[in-house]
N, C-alpha and C. Protein backbone atom coordinates (compact mmCIF):
# COMPACT_ATOMS: atom_id res chain seq x y z
N UNK A 1 0.82 -1.04 -0.09
CA UNK A 1 0.13 -0.05 -0.21
C UNK A 1 1.02 1.42 -0.07
N UNK A 2 1.87 1.51 0.87
CA UNK A 2 2.71 2.53 1.35
C UNK A 2 3.30 2.66 -0.50
N UNK A 3 3.88 1.69 -0.61
CA UNK A 3 4.68 1.52 -2.21
C UNK A 3 3.85 2.09 -3.31
N UNK A 4 2.85 1.64 -3.35
CA UNK A 4 2.01 2.33 -4.36
C UNK A 4 1.55 3.96 -4.33
N UNK A 5 1.62 4.14 -3.17
CA UNK A 5 1.19 5.48 -2.90
C UNK A 5 2.36 6.49 -2.92
N UNK A 6 3.46 5.95 -2.59
CA UNK A 6 4.92 6.46 -3.20
C UNK A 6 5.17 6.82 -4.67
N UNK A 7 4.87 5.55 -5.20
CA UNK A 7 4.80 5.57 -6.97
C UNK A 7 3.95 6.43 -7.33
N UNK A 8 2.75 6.82 -6.78
CA UNK A 8 1.22 7.70 -7.24
C UNK A 8 2.28 9.18 -7.09
N UNK A 9 2.63 9.36 -5.83
CA UNK A 9 3.33 10.84 -5.59
C UNK A 9 4.35 11.05 -6.35
N UNK A 10 5.32 10.32 -6.65
CA UNK A 10 6.42 10.35 -7.75
C UNK A 10 6.01 10.47 -8.81
N UNK A 11 4.80 10.01 -9.45
CA UNK A 11 4.17 10.14 -10.65
C UNK A 11 3.64 11.69 -10.84
N UNK A 12 2.91 12.10 -9.92
CA UNK A 12 2.11 13.34 -10.00
C UNK A 12 3.95 14.63 -9.66
N UNK A 13 4.69 14.11 -9.04
CA UNK A 13 5.25 15.40 -8.76
C UNK A 13 6.14 15.32 -9.87
N UNK A 14 6.76 14.49 -11.06
CA UNK A 14 7.07 14.47 -12.16
C UNK A 14 6.34 15.03 -13.26
N UNK A 15 5.05 15.13 -13.33
CA UNK A 15 4.08 15.96 -14.08
C UNK A 15 4.16 17.15 -13.88
N UNK A 16 4.02 17.53 -12.42
CA UNK A 16 4.18 18.79 -12.13
C UNK A 16 5.62 19.28 -12.29
N UNK A 17 6.48 18.82 -12.83
CA UNK A 17 7.84 19.67 -12.71
C UNK A 17 8.01 19.76 -13.95
N UNK A 18 7.14 19.05 -15.17
CA UNK A 18 6.97 19.34 -16.44
C UNK A 18 6.44 20.77 -16.89
N UNK A 19 6.20 21.31 -16.05
CA UNK A 19 5.65 22.63 -16.24
C UNK A 19 4.22 22.81 -16.62
N UNK A 20 3.60 23.63 -17.09
CA UNK A 20 2.19 24.17 -17.78
C UNK A 20 2.10 22.91 -19.24
N UNK A 21 1.42 21.84 -18.85
CA UNK A 21 1.03 21.15 -20.15
C UNK A 21 -0.08 21.65 -21.36
N UNK A 22 0.31 21.38 -22.49
CA UNK A 22 -0.83 21.78 -23.21
C UNK A 22 -2.34 21.51 -22.50
N UNK A 23 -3.19 22.35 -23.02
CA UNK A 23 -4.56 21.97 -22.94
C UNK A 23 -5.32 21.70 -24.15
N UNK A 24 -4.22 21.87 -24.98
CA UNK A 24 -4.97 21.75 -26.57
C UNK A 24 -4.54 21.96 -27.39
N UNK A 25 -3.96 21.10 -28.28
CA UNK A 25 -3.37 21.37 -29.55
C UNK A 25 -4.05 22.37 -30.62
N UNK A 26 -3.55 22.98 -31.46
CA UNK A 26 -4.39 23.61 -32.25
C UNK A 26 -3.01 24.11 -33.70
N UNK A 27 -3.54 24.68 -34.66
CA UNK A 27 -2.95 24.66 -36.07
C UNK A 27 -3.27 26.01 -36.45
N UNK A 28 -2.32 26.84 -36.94
CA UNK A 28 -2.74 28.20 -37.66
C UNK A 28 -3.18 27.77 -39.07
N UNK A 29 -4.39 28.16 -39.26
CA UNK A 29 -5.19 28.04 -40.65
C UNK A 29 -5.90 29.67 -40.81
N UNK A 30 -5.82 29.99 -42.27
CA UNK A 30 -6.63 30.78 -42.92
C UNK A 30 -5.59 32.17 -43.15
N UNK A 31 -4.33 32.20 -42.90
CA UNK A 31 -3.97 33.47 -42.90
C UNK A 31 -3.78 33.62 -44.54
N UNK A 32 -3.56 32.66 -45.43
CA UNK A 32 -3.19 32.75 -46.54
C UNK A 32 -1.80 32.45 -46.99
N UNK A 33 -1.38 32.53 -48.38
CA UNK A 33 -0.10 32.06 -48.48
C UNK A 33 0.94 33.08 -48.48
N UNK A 34 0.30 34.18 -48.25
CA UNK A 34 1.66 35.47 -48.52
C UNK A 34 1.45 36.15 -47.22
N UNK A 35 0.90 35.45 -46.06
CA UNK A 35 0.57 36.36 -44.93
C UNK A 35 1.16 35.61 -43.87
N UNK A 36 1.07 36.08 -42.30
CA UNK A 36 1.77 35.27 -41.30
C UNK A 36 0.47 35.82 -40.19
N UNK A 37 0.13 34.91 -39.58
CA UNK A 37 -0.44 35.13 -38.10
C UNK A 37 0.73 35.87 -37.23
N UNK A 38 0.42 36.64 -36.63
CA UNK A 38 1.00 37.74 -35.67
C UNK A 38 0.78 37.01 -34.01
N UNK A 39 1.87 36.71 -33.64
CA UNK A 39 1.99 36.24 -32.12
C UNK A 39 2.47 37.52 -31.56
N UNK A 40 1.61 37.64 -30.60
CA UNK A 40 1.89 38.87 -29.64
C UNK A 40 2.10 39.36 -28.37
N UNK A 41 2.70 40.13 -27.69
CA UNK A 41 3.28 40.05 -26.24
C UNK A 41 1.73 40.04 -25.26
N UNK A 42 0.56 40.40 -25.81
CA UNK A 42 -0.48 40.36 -25.22
C UNK A 42 -1.76 39.90 -25.73
N UNK A 43 -3.16 40.20 -25.12
CA UNK A 43 -4.26 39.83 -25.94
C UNK A 43 -4.81 41.27 -26.71
N UNK A 44 -4.39 41.60 -27.88
CA UNK A 44 -4.96 42.59 -28.69
C UNK A 44 -3.85 43.34 -29.13
N UNK A 45 -4.67 44.32 -30.67
CA UNK A 45 -3.97 44.65 -31.56
C UNK A 45 -2.79 45.73 -31.06
N UNK A 46 -2.93 46.39 -29.56
CA UNK A 46 -1.94 47.15 -29.02
C UNK A 46 -0.71 46.59 -28.60
N UNK A 47 -0.48 45.37 -28.47
CA UNK A 47 0.67 44.77 -28.11
C UNK A 47 1.63 44.57 -28.90
N UNK A 48 3.00 44.48 -28.59
CA UNK A 48 3.99 44.41 -29.65
C UNK A 48 3.95 42.83 -30.24
N UNK A 49 4.32 43.00 -31.73
CA UNK A 49 4.34 41.60 -32.19
C UNK A 49 5.71 40.79 -31.87
N UNK A 50 5.59 39.71 -31.65
CA UNK A 50 6.80 38.77 -31.35
C UNK A 50 7.31 38.20 -32.35
N UNK A 51 6.64 37.40 -33.47
CA UNK A 51 6.94 36.80 -34.10
C UNK A 51 5.72 36.67 -35.08
N UNK A 52 5.87 36.08 -36.59
CA UNK A 52 4.74 36.00 -37.46
C UNK A 52 4.65 34.47 -37.40
N UNK A 53 3.60 34.05 -37.57
CA UNK A 53 2.93 32.36 -37.70
C UNK A 53 2.70 31.55 -39.04
N UNK A 54 3.36 31.01 -39.75
CA UNK A 54 2.63 30.72 -41.15
C UNK A 54 1.60 29.48 -40.84
N UNK A 55 0.34 29.52 -41.93
CA UNK A 55 -0.51 28.46 -41.76
C UNK A 55 0.37 27.28 -41.62
N UNK A 56 -0.27 26.20 -40.80
CA UNK A 56 0.31 24.60 -40.23
C UNK A 56 1.13 24.69 -39.37
N UNK A 57 1.56 25.88 -38.72
CA UNK A 57 2.04 26.04 -37.50
C UNK A 57 1.42 25.37 -36.39
N UNK A 58 1.99 24.66 -35.57
CA UNK A 58 1.10 23.61 -34.74
C UNK A 58 1.43 24.32 -33.29
N UNK A 59 0.29 24.76 -32.53
CA UNK A 59 0.44 25.39 -31.13
C UNK A 59 0.06 24.69 -30.24
N UNK A 60 0.36 25.17 -28.80
CA UNK A 60 -0.52 24.49 -27.73
C UNK A 60 -1.16 25.56 -27.06
N UNK A 61 -2.45 25.51 -27.31
CA UNK A 61 -3.46 26.81 -26.83
C UNK A 61 -3.50 26.47 -25.25
N UNK A 62 -3.71 27.50 -24.39
CA UNK A 62 -3.91 27.72 -23.10
C UNK A 62 -5.37 28.35 -23.02
N UNK A 63 -5.44 29.46 -22.12
CA UNK A 63 -6.50 30.10 -21.98
C UNK A 63 -6.84 31.09 -22.79
N UNK A 64 -7.95 31.23 -23.12
CA UNK A 64 -8.58 32.40 -24.14
C UNK A 64 -9.31 33.37 -23.36
N UNK A 65 -9.47 34.77 -23.71
CA UNK A 65 -9.78 36.11 -23.30
C UNK A 65 -10.45 36.75 -24.28
N UNK A 66 -11.46 37.56 -24.19
CA UNK A 66 -12.22 38.45 -25.02
C UNK A 66 -11.69 40.03 -24.90
N UNK A 67 -11.12 40.39 -25.48
CA UNK A 67 -10.71 41.87 -25.85
C UNK A 67 -11.31 42.94 -27.06
N UNK A 68 -12.15 43.83 -26.63
CA UNK A 68 -12.81 44.83 -27.44
C UNK A 68 -13.59 43.91 -28.46
N UNK A 69 -14.30 42.75 -28.01
CA UNK A 69 -14.86 41.58 -29.01
C UNK A 69 -14.19 40.76 -29.66
N UNK A 70 -12.99 40.75 -29.52
CA UNK A 70 -12.14 39.62 -29.86
C UNK A 70 -11.69 38.56 -29.47
N UNK A 71 -12.07 37.27 -29.59
CA UNK A 71 -11.06 36.32 -28.99
C UNK A 71 -9.84 36.14 -29.16
N UNK A 72 -8.81 36.18 -28.21
CA UNK A 72 -7.51 36.00 -28.36
C UNK A 72 -7.09 34.76 -27.42
N UNK A 73 -6.47 34.07 -27.80
CA UNK A 73 -5.59 32.64 -27.20
C UNK A 73 -4.29 32.63 -26.76
N UNK A 74 -3.88 32.55 -25.54
CA UNK A 74 -2.49 32.54 -25.32
C UNK A 74 -2.17 30.84 -25.71
N UNK A 75 -0.97 30.99 -26.34
CA UNK A 75 -0.48 30.04 -27.21
C UNK A 75 1.19 29.85 -26.85
N UNK A 76 1.60 28.60 -27.13
CA UNK A 76 3.21 28.64 -27.06
C UNK A 76 3.14 27.55 -28.44
N UNK A 77 4.85 27.77 -29.01
CA UNK A 77 4.83 26.95 -30.11
C UNK A 77 5.06 25.34 -29.32
N UNK A 78 4.47 24.74 -30.68
CA UNK A 78 4.33 23.19 -30.11
C UNK A 78 6.23 22.58 -29.86
N UNK A 79 6.74 23.13 -31.12
CA UNK A 79 8.04 22.86 -31.14
C UNK A 79 9.27 23.39 -30.55
N UNK A 80 8.60 24.34 -29.40
CA UNK A 80 9.40 25.04 -28.98
C UNK A 80 8.48 26.17 -28.05
N UNK A 81 8.39 25.36 -26.91
CA UNK A 81 7.28 25.31 -25.73
C UNK A 81 7.73 26.81 -25.21
N UNK A 82 8.70 27.24 -25.11
CA UNK A 82 8.90 28.66 -24.35
C UNK A 82 8.62 29.56 -25.16
N UNK A 83 8.32 29.65 -26.46
CA UNK A 83 8.18 30.68 -27.24
C UNK A 83 6.80 30.97 -26.69
N UNK A 84 5.99 31.95 -26.34
CA UNK A 84 4.78 31.96 -25.83
C UNK A 84 4.10 33.54 -26.28
N UNK A 85 2.63 33.77 -26.55
CA UNK A 85 2.31 34.74 -26.85
C UNK A 85 0.95 34.77 -26.92
N UNK A 86 0.01 35.62 -27.44
CA UNK A 86 -1.32 35.72 -28.18
C UNK A 86 -1.71 35.94 -29.20
N UNK A 87 -2.67 34.91 -30.14
CA UNK A 87 -3.10 35.15 -31.41
C UNK A 87 -4.55 35.19 -31.12
N UNK A 88 -5.03 35.76 -32.45
CA UNK A 88 -6.55 35.95 -32.64
C UNK A 88 -7.10 34.53 -32.78
N UNK A 89 -8.09 34.16 -32.27
CA UNK A 89 -8.65 32.77 -32.01
C UNK A 89 -9.33 32.29 -33.46
N UNK A 90 -9.35 33.29 -34.31
CA UNK A 90 -9.99 33.54 -35.56
C UNK A 90 -9.22 32.36 -36.80
N UNK A 91 -7.65 32.22 -36.26
CA UNK A 91 -7.07 31.60 -37.19
C UNK A 91 -6.45 30.54 -36.56
N UNK A 92 -7.30 30.00 -35.80
CA UNK A 92 -6.95 28.69 -35.14
C UNK A 92 -7.69 27.50 -35.82
N UNK A 93 -7.24 26.19 -36.09
CA UNK A 93 -8.07 25.15 -36.68
C UNK A 93 -9.09 24.69 -35.98
N UNK A 94 -9.09 25.02 -34.60
CA UNK A 94 -10.20 24.42 -33.89
C UNK A 94 -11.27 25.51 -33.62
N UNK A 95 -11.27 26.48 -34.19
CA UNK A 95 -12.37 27.64 -34.19
C UNK A 95 -13.86 27.40 -35.06
């Protein structure tokens, strides 16, 4: 009994140490062949652009908020999870 409790505690500790695990995978879509989705420092057009994301970019989606009638989602790059920011939910595949 004690051994299984310790094993479960160890598993939970390991999972927690991995940091914010993604709640949802999504893909950038609908920007067009010659445009990029702007990854911003905050949820709105007034925030600085961190980088542009082409269609097909896989993201880890976290919480979404509405600012001035627009839905913005906090995301990180699936292949580089430390790169985080906000994008318009209109350009995510699960919308």
